C-alpha atoms as a PDB file:
ATOM      1  CA  MET A   1     -31.240 -74.823  69.763  1.00  0.00           C
ATOM      2  CA  ASN A   2     -34.043 -74.837  66.939  1.00  0.00           C
ATOM      3  CA  PHE A   3     -33.050 -71.457  65.700  1.00  0.00           C
ATOM      4  CA  VAL A   4     -29.281 -72.197  65.029  1.00  0.00           C
ATOM      5  CA  LEU A   5     -29.929 -75.562  63.320  1.00  0.00           C
ATOM      6  CA  ASN A   6     -31.577 -73.763  60.851  1.00  0.00           C
ATOM      7  CA  TYR A   7     -29.585 -70.747  60.446  1.00  0.00           C
ATOM      8  CA  TRP A   8     -26.410 -72.548  59.431  1.00  0.00           C
ATOM      9  CA  GLY A   9     -28.931 -74.684  57.035  1.00  0.00           C
ATOM     10  CA  ILE A  10     -29.870 -71.960  55.098  1.00  0.00           C
ATOM     11  CA  LEU A  11     -26.585 -70.782  55.349  1.00  0.00           C
ATOM     12  CA  VAL A  12     -25.453 -74.010  54.169  1.00  0.00           C
ATOM     13  CA  VAL A  13     -27.752 -74.422  50.845  1.00  0.00           C
ATOM     14  CA  THR A  14     -26.011 -70.586  50.250  1.00  0.00           C
ATOM     15  CA  LEU A  15     -22.281 -71.441  50.379  1.00  0.00           C
ATOM     16  CA  LEU A  16     -23.770 -74.630  48.145  1.00  0.00           C
ATOM     17  CA  LEU A  17     -25.860 -72.517  45.506  1.00  0.00           C
ATOM     18  CA  GLY A  18     -24.202 -69.623  45.266  1.00  0.00           C
ATOM     19  CA  GLY A  19     -20.808 -70.707  45.262  1.00  0.00           C
ATOM     20  CA  GLY A  20     -21.654 -73.821  43.340  1.00  0.00           C
ATOM     21  CA  ALA A  21     -23.758 -70.909  40.520  1.00  0.00           C
ATOM     22  CA  GLN A  22     -20.820 -68.792  40.554  1.00  0.00           C
ATOM     23  CA  LEU A  23     -18.315 -71.804  39.800  1.00  0.00           C
ATOM     24  CA  TYR A  24     -20.685 -73.014  37.427  1.00  0.00           C
ATOM     25  CA  ILE A  25     -20.963 -69.646  35.385  1.00  0.00           C
ATOM     26  CA  ARG A  26     -16.991 -68.903  35.923  1.00  0.00           C
ATOM     27  CA  SER A  27     -16.070 -71.543  34.184  1.00  0.00           C
ATOM     28  CA  THR A  28     -18.383 -72.117  31.249  1.00  0.00           C
ATOM     29  CA  TYR A  29     -17.359 -68.488  30.551  1.00  0.00           C
ATOM     30  CA  ALA A  30     -13.377 -69.546  30.494  1.00  0.00           C
ATOM     31  CA  ARG A  31     -14.322 -72.177  28.304  1.00  0.00           C
ATOM     32  CA  TYR A  32     -16.338 -70.472  25.901  1.00  0.00           C
ATOM     33  CA  SER A  33     -14.332 -67.467  26.215  1.00  0.00           C
ATOM     34  CA  LYS A  34     -11.753 -69.259  24.440  1.00  0.00           C
ATOM     35  CA  VAL A  35     -13.472 -70.052  21.681  1.00  0.00           C
ATOM     36  CA  PRO A  36     -13.368 -67.669  18.729  1.00  0.00           C
ATOM     37  CA  VAL A  37     -16.635 -66.670  16.478  1.00  0.00           C
ATOM     38  CA  ALA A  38     -16.879 -67.547  13.294  1.00  0.00           C
ATOM     39  CA  ASN A  39     -17.231 -64.804  11.394  1.00  0.00           C
ATOM     40  CA  GLY A  40     -14.663 -62.742  13.916  1.00  0.00           C
ATOM     41  CA  LEU A  41     -16.839 -59.651  15.107  1.00  0.00           C
ATOM     42  CA  SER A  42     -15.727 -58.498  18.843  1.00  0.00           C
ATOM     43  CA  GLY A  43     -18.746 -58.351  21.279  1.00  0.00           C
ATOM     44  CA  ALA A  44     -19.341 -54.698  20.414  1.00  0.00           C
ATOM     45  CA  GLU A  45     -19.721 -55.237  17.087  1.00  0.00           C
ATOM     46  CA  VAL A  46     -22.059 -58.552  17.802  1.00  0.00           C
ATOM     47  CA  ALA A  47     -24.576 -55.912  20.178  1.00  0.00           C
ATOM     48  CA  ARG A  48     -23.965 -52.824  17.852  1.00  0.00           C
ATOM     49  CA  ARG A  49     -25.454 -55.294  14.861  1.00  0.00           C
ATOM     50  CA  MET A  50     -27.866 -56.602  16.700  1.00  0.00           C
ATOM     51  CA  LEU A  51     -29.146 -53.039  18.312  1.00  0.00           C
ATOM     52  CA  ASP A  52     -29.111 -51.934  14.722  1.00  0.00           C
ATOM     53  CA  SER A  53     -31.826 -54.785  13.241  1.00  0.00           C
ATOM     54  CA  ASN A  54     -34.181 -53.771  16.330  1.00  0.00           C
ATOM     55  CA  GLY A  55     -34.015 -50.165  14.604  1.00  0.00           C
ATOM     56  CA  LEU A  56     -31.891 -48.408  17.947  1.00  0.00           C
ATOM     57  CA  GLN A  57     -29.212 -46.410  16.406  1.00  0.00           C
ATOM     58  CA  ALA A  58     -29.624 -43.962  19.280  1.00  0.00           C
ATOM     59  CA  VAL A  59     -28.019 -46.891  21.784  1.00  0.00           C
ATOM     60  CA  GLY A  60     -24.839 -46.126  22.965  1.00  0.00           C
ATOM     61  CA  ILE A  61     -21.922 -48.818  23.346  1.00  0.00           C
ATOM     62  CA  ARG A  62     -18.921 -48.260  26.071  1.00  0.00           C
ATOM     63  CA  GLN A  63     -15.969 -50.443  27.496  1.00  0.00           C
ATOM     64  CA  VAL A  64     -16.641 -50.441  30.882  1.00  0.00           C
ATOM     65  CA  ALA A  65     -13.704 -51.922  33.585  1.00  0.00           C
ATOM     66  CA  GLY A  66     -14.044 -55.051  35.474  1.00  0.00           C
ATOM     67  CA  LYS A  67     -15.116 -58.768  34.607  1.00  0.00           C
ATOM     68  CA  LEU A  68     -18.754 -59.309  33.968  1.00  0.00           C
ATOM     69  CA  THR A  69     -19.669 -55.941  35.171  1.00  0.00           C
ATOM     70  CA  ASP A  70     -22.131 -55.617  31.859  1.00  0.00           C
ATOM     71  CA  ASN A  71     -25.208 -54.159  31.986  1.00  0.00           C
ATOM     72  CA  TYR A  72     -28.147 -51.839  30.292  1.00  0.00           C
ATOM     73  CA  ASP A  73     -29.128 -48.805  31.492  1.00  0.00           C
ATOM     74  CA  PRO A  74     -32.580 -47.805  30.754  1.00  0.00           C
ATOM     75  CA  ARG A  75     -31.816 -44.429  31.678  1.00  0.00           C
ATOM     76  CA  THR A  76     -28.968 -43.304  30.145  1.00  0.00           C
ATOM     77  CA  ARG A  77     -29.256 -46.204  26.951  1.00  0.00           C
ATOM     78  CA  VAL A  78     -26.392 -46.861  27.526  1.00  0.00           C
ATOM     79  CA  LEU A  79     -25.212 -50.280  26.959  1.00  0.00           C
ATOM     80  CA  SER A  80     -21.998 -51.376  29.422  1.00  0.00           C
ATOM     81  CA  LEU A  81     -19.688 -53.917  27.659  1.00  0.00           C
ATOM     82  CA  SER A  82     -16.821 -54.950  29.980  1.00  0.00           C
ATOM     83  CA  GLN A  83     -13.315 -55.629  28.992  1.00  0.00           C
ATOM     84  CA  ASP A  84     -13.303 -59.176  27.641  1.00  0.00           C
ATOM     85  CA  VAL A  85     -16.577 -58.782  26.323  1.00  0.00           C
ATOM     86  CA  PHE A  86     -15.981 -55.549  24.698  1.00  0.00           C
ATOM     87  CA  GLN A  87     -13.377 -56.473  23.244  1.00  0.00           C
ATOM     88  CA  GLY A  88     -13.301 -60.372  22.756  1.00  0.00           C
ATOM     89  CA  ARG A  89     -13.820 -62.387  19.823  1.00  0.00           C
ATOM     90  CA  SER A  90     -15.217 -65.299  21.086  1.00  0.00           C
ATOM     91  CA  VAL A  91     -18.383 -66.831  22.130  1.00  0.00           C
ATOM     92  CA  ALA A  92     -18.864 -65.937  25.576  1.00  0.00           C
ATOM     93  CA  ALA A  93     -18.282 -62.287  24.583  1.00  0.00           C
ATOM     94  CA  ALA A  94     -20.429 -62.805  21.384  1.00  0.00           C
ATOM     95  CA  GLY A  95     -24.000 -65.018  24.087  1.00  0.00           C
ATOM     96  CA  VAL A  96     -23.303 -61.802  26.884  1.00  0.00           C
ATOM     97  CA  ALA A  97     -23.255 -58.263  24.354  1.00  0.00           C
ATOM     98  CA  SER A  98     -26.464 -60.078  22.983  1.00  0.00           C
ATOM     99  CA  HIS A  99     -27.847 -60.913  26.008  1.00  0.00           C
ATOM    100  CA  GLU A 100     -27.268 -57.251  27.235  1.00  0.00           C
ATOM    101  CA  ALA A 101     -27.965 -55.762  23.493  1.00  0.00           C
ATOM    102  CA  GLY A 102     -32.018 -57.505  24.344  1.00  0.00           C
ATOM    103  CA  HIS A 103     -32.370 -55.161  27.277  1.00  0.00           C
ATOM    104  CA  ALA A 104     -31.836 -52.567  25.318  1.00  0.00           C
ATOM    105  CA  VAL A 105     -34.914 -54.073  23.036  1.00  0.00           C
ATOM    106  CA  GLN A 106     -37.224 -55.062  25.614  1.00  0.00           C
ATOM    107  CA  HIS A 107     -36.584 -51.539  26.706  1.00  0.00           C
ATOM    108  CA  ALA A 108     -37.868 -50.102  23.413  1.00  0.00           C
ATOM    109  CA  LEU A 109     -40.200 -53.131  23.416  1.00  0.00           C
ATOM    110  CA  SER A 110     -41.601 -51.974  26.512  1.00  0.00           C
ATOM    111  CA  TYR A 111     -41.628 -55.028  27.131  1.00  0.00           C
ATOM    112  CA  ALA A 112     -43.917 -55.278  30.666  1.00  0.00           C
ATOM    113  CA  PRO A 113     -41.451 -57.768  33.114  1.00  0.00           C
ATOM    114  CA  ALA A 114     -38.214 -55.245  32.304  1.00  0.00           C
ATOM    115  CA  GLY A 115     -40.565 -52.466  33.300  1.00  0.00           C
ATOM    116  CA  PHE A 116     -42.111 -53.927  36.381  1.00  0.00           C
ATOM    117  CA  ARG A 117     -38.927 -54.727  37.473  1.00  0.00           C
ATOM    118  CA  SER A 118     -37.457 -50.987  36.762  1.00  0.00           C
ATOM    119  CA  ALA A 119     -40.258 -49.602  39.262  1.00  0.00           C
ATOM    120  CA  LEU A 120     -39.747 -51.729  41.416  1.00  0.00           C
ATOM    121  CA  VAL A 121     -35.806 -50.429  41.711  1.00  0.00           C
ATOM    122  CA  PRO A 122     -36.173 -47.508  44.611  1.00  0.00           C
ATOM    123  CA  VAL A 123     -39.189 -49.845  46.528  1.00  0.00           C
ATOM    124  CA  ALA A 124     -37.034 -52.835  47.073  1.00  0.00           C
ATOM    125  CA  SER A 125     -33.821 -50.405  47.486  1.00  0.00           C
ATOM    126  CA  LEU A 126     -35.952 -49.292  49.990  1.00  0.00           C
ATOM    127  CA  GLY A 127     -37.364 -52.772  52.074  1.00  0.00           C
ATOM    128  CA  SER A 128     -32.935 -54.445  51.600  1.00  0.00           C
ATOM    129  CA  ASN A 129     -31.623 -51.302  53.680  1.00  0.00           C
ATOM    130  CA  MET A 130     -35.326 -51.717  56.485  1.00  0.00           C
ATOM    131  CA  ALA A 131     -35.310 -54.848  56.309  1.00  0.00           C
ATOM    132  CA  TRP A 132     -31.726 -56.008  58.015  1.00  0.00           C
ATOM    133  CA  PRO A 133     -32.400 -52.494  61.238  1.00  0.00           C
ATOM    134  CA  LEU A 134     -35.756 -54.434  61.724  1.00  0.00           C
ATOM    135  CA  ILE A 135     -34.871 -57.415  61.733  1.00  0.00           C
ATOM    136  CA  ILE A 136     -31.984 -57.567  63.813  1.00  0.00           C
ATOM    137  CA  ALA A 137     -33.046 -55.193  66.282  1.00  0.00           C
ATOM    138  CA  GLY A 138     -36.457 -57.639  67.039  1.00  0.00           C
ATOM    139  CA  ILE A 139     -33.820 -60.701  67.450  1.00  0.00           C
ATOM    140  CA  PHE A 140     -32.147 -58.748  69.978  1.00  0.00           C
ATOM    141  CA  LEU A 141     -35.121 -57.412  71.661  1.00  0.00           C
ATOM    142  CA  ASN A 142     -36.759 -61.004  71.186  1.00  0.00           C
ATOM    143  CA  PHE A 143     -39.295 -58.239  69.988  1.00  0.00           C
ATOM    144  CA  PRO A 144     -41.149 -60.569  66.916  1.00  0.00           C
ATOM    145  CA  LEU A 145     -42.910 -58.092  65.389  1.00  0.00           C
ATOM    146  CA  LEU A 146     -40.083 -56.493  64.356  1.00  0.00           C
ATOM    147  CA  ILE A 147     -38.650 -58.940  62.967  1.00  0.00           C
ATOM    148  CA  THR A 148     -42.151 -59.742  61.183  1.00  0.00           C
ATOM    149  CA  PHE A 149     -42.351 -56.017  59.785  1.00  0.00           C
ATOM    150  CA  GLY A 150     -38.743 -56.392  58.914  1.00  0.00           C
ATOM    151  CA  ALA A 151     -39.339 -59.955  57.030  1.00  0.00           C
ATOM    152  CA  ALA A 152     -42.013 -57.584  55.238  1.00  0.00           C
ATOM    153  CA  PHE A 153     -39.598 -54.875  53.498  1.00  0.00           C
ATOM    154  CA  PHE A 154     -37.206 -57.637  53.057  1.00  0.00           C
ATOM    155  CA  ALA A 155     -40.388 -59.757  50.847  1.00  0.00           C
ATOM    156  CA  ILE A 156     -40.257 -56.352  48.627  1.00  0.00           C
ATOM    157  CA  ALA A 157     -36.183 -57.103  47.850  1.00  0.00           C
ATOM    158  CA  VAL A 158     -37.379 -60.789  46.931  1.00  0.00           C
ATOM    159  CA  MET A 159     -39.812 -59.719  44.749  1.00  0.00           C
ATOM    160  CA  PHE A 160     -37.710 -57.918  42.704  1.00  0.00           C
ATOM    161  CA  GLN A 161     -35.523 -60.465  42.566  1.00  0.00           C
ATOM    162  CA  ILE A 162     -38.321 -62.764  41.386  1.00  0.00           C
ATOM    163  CA  VAL A 163     -39.222 -60.801  38.694  1.00  0.00           C
ATOM    164  CA  THR A 164     -35.686 -60.153  37.788  1.00  0.00           C
ATOM    165  CA  LEU A 165     -36.058 -63.684  36.545  1.00  0.00           C
ATOM    166  CA  PRO A 166     -37.722 -63.397  33.204  1.00  0.00           C
ATOM    167  CA  VAL A 167     -36.453 -60.527  32.476  1.00  0.00           C
ATOM    168  CA  GLU A 168     -33.101 -61.935  32.269  1.00  0.00           C
ATOM    169  CA  PHE A 169     -34.145 -65.087  31.123  1.00  0.00           C
ATOM    170  CA  ASP A 170     -36.269 -63.469  28.195  1.00  0.00           C
ATOM    171  CA  ALA A 171     -33.311 -61.019  27.181  1.00  0.00           C
ATOM    172  CA  SER A 172     -31.373 -64.490  26.946  1.00  0.00           C
ATOM    173  CA  ARG A 173     -33.835 -66.072  24.613  1.00  0.00           C
ATOM    174  CA  ARG A 174     -33.638 -62.967  22.275  1.00  0.00           C
ATOM    175  CA  ALA A 175     -30.143 -63.138  22.620  1.00  0.00           C
ATOM    176  CA  VAL A 176     -29.465 -66.722  21.208  1.00  0.00           C
ATOM    177  CA  ALA A 177     -32.233 -65.559  18.366  1.00  0.00           C
ATOM    178  CA  SER A 178     -29.884 -62.812  17.044  1.00  0.00           C
ATOM    179  CA  LEU A 179     -27.571 -64.737  17.054  1.00  0.00           C
ATOM    180  CA  GLU A 180     -28.919 -67.680  15.206  1.00  0.00           C
ATOM    181  CA  GLY A 181     -27.846 -68.220  11.152  1.00  0.00           C
ATOM    182  CA  VAL A 182     -24.697 -65.902  11.934  1.00  0.00           C
ATOM    183  CA  LEU A 183     -23.160 -67.695  14.010  1.00  0.00           C
ATOM    184  CA  PRO A 184     -22.694 -72.133  13.468  1.00  0.00           C
ATOM    185  CA  SER A 185     -25.518 -73.825  15.549  1.00  0.00           C
ATOM    186  CA  GLU A 186     -22.477 -75.183  17.747  1.00  0.00           C
ATOM    187  CA  GLN A 187     -21.604 -72.240  17.732  1.00  0.00           C
ATOM    188  CA  VAL A 188     -25.202 -70.550  19.093  1.00  0.00           C
ATOM    189  CA  ALA A 189     -25.438 -73.597  22.208  1.00  0.00           C
ATOM    190  CA  GLY A 190     -22.046 -72.582  23.084  1.00  0.00           C
ATOM    191  CA  ALA A 191     -23.528 -68.343  23.563  1.00  0.00           C
ATOM    192  CA  ARG A 192     -26.506 -70.551  25.243  1.00  0.00           C
ATOM    193  CA  SER A 193     -24.869 -72.213  27.635  1.00  0.00           C
ATOM    194  CA  VAL A 194     -23.099 -69.460  29.060  1.00  0.00           C
ATOM    195  CA  LEU A 195     -26.073 -67.594  29.450  1.00  0.00           C
ATOM    196  CA  THR A 196     -27.498 -70.465  30.845  1.00  0.00           C
ATOM    197  CA  ALA A 197     -25.016 -69.959  33.974  1.00  0.00           C
ATOM    198  CA  ALA A 198     -25.249 -66.876  34.341  1.00  0.00           C
ATOM    199  CA  ALA A 199     -29.295 -67.604  34.527  1.00  0.00           C
ATOM    200  CA  LEU A 200     -28.104 -69.707  36.855  1.00  0.00           C
ATOM    201  CA  THR A 201     -26.780 -67.708  39.620  1.00  0.00           C
ATOM    202  CA  TYR A 202     -30.150 -65.197  39.670  1.00  0.00           C
ATOM    203  CA  VAL A 203     -32.002 -68.649  40.365  1.00  0.00           C
ATOM    204  CA  ALA A 204     -29.933 -69.375  42.717  1.00  0.00           C
ATOM    205  CA  ALA A 205     -29.728 -65.829  44.720  1.00  0.00           C
ATOM    206  CA  ALA A 206     -33.794 -65.783  44.159  1.00  0.00           C
ATOM    207  CA  LEU A 207     -33.849 -69.581  46.185  1.00  0.00           C
ATOM    208  CA  VAL A 208     -31.363 -68.284  48.946  1.00  0.00           C
ATOM    209  CA  SER A 209     -34.073 -65.139  49.252  1.00  0.00           C
ATOM    210  CA  VAL A 210     -37.305 -66.750  49.278  1.00  0.00           C
ATOM    211  CA  LEU A 211     -35.231 -68.762  52.206  1.00  0.00           C
ATOM    212  CA  TYR A 212     -34.193 -66.652  54.230  1.00  0.00           C
ATOM    213  CA  LEU A 213     -37.556 -64.817  53.350  1.00  0.00           C
ATOM    214  CA  LEU A 214     -39.579 -68.128  55.389  1.00  0.00           C
ATOM    215  CA  TYR A 215     -37.306 -68.233  58.131  1.00  0.00           C
ATOM    216  CA  TYR A 216     -37.708 -64.562  59.094  1.00  0.00           C
ATOM    217  CA  LEU A 217     -41.637 -64.769  59.111  1.00  0.00           C
ATOM    218  CA  SER A 218     -41.122 -67.870  61.493  1.00  0.00           C
ATOM    219  CA  LEU A 219     -39.163 -66.074  63.858  1.00  0.00           C
ATOM    220  CA  GLY A 220     -41.787 -63.382  63.300  1.00  0.00           C
ATOM    221  CA  ARG A 221     -44.363 -66.396  64.294  1.00  0.00           C
ATOM    222  CA  ARG A 222     -42.870 -67.027  67.366  1.00  0.00           C
ATOM    223  CA  ASP A 223     -44.557 -66.700  70.941  1.00  0.00           C
END
């Protein structure tokens, strides 16, 4: 019975945190997508200005499909912006574009947490892939040691999520700083709201992962 209660309890927390964070980012993004930026620049132009002001003329910008699929790839030094952000001339587009440009600035400055996160990518991927088969096998075979091994691999993936937090917060800080003096203060505050909402999705995911890690570790300690 404790197994069921613990599992379903964490599942409820997952739905509340994850669902709430996603709802918040989508509603906040939708709200500020309707607010035109005072300078009339598109997200791509905002990102280009931020990159160029940091001496990153070599970093490319491209449009990609999807919604909120924006990212920066340090391997190719390319900023990928979704259509709404690339072409959009809204406060939301300016905030997201600047945030991704912030990741490019981190890369150029060898920002330590970002470098550590990049180094963790292959290890975290391995940990995530190895964790579930071991945990599931341990549960069905009633073999706690297997669960513990699985939890150890899962811990690597959790570490990646935790390391991601300061990287995302710093990119948002750089984004807001780049918009100050370029946009009116109320629009900078709006961009900050969009980025804060986005950051909460990372926080929620990390918290949920930590809860699951503690749960798997408790299963592994059972006699």
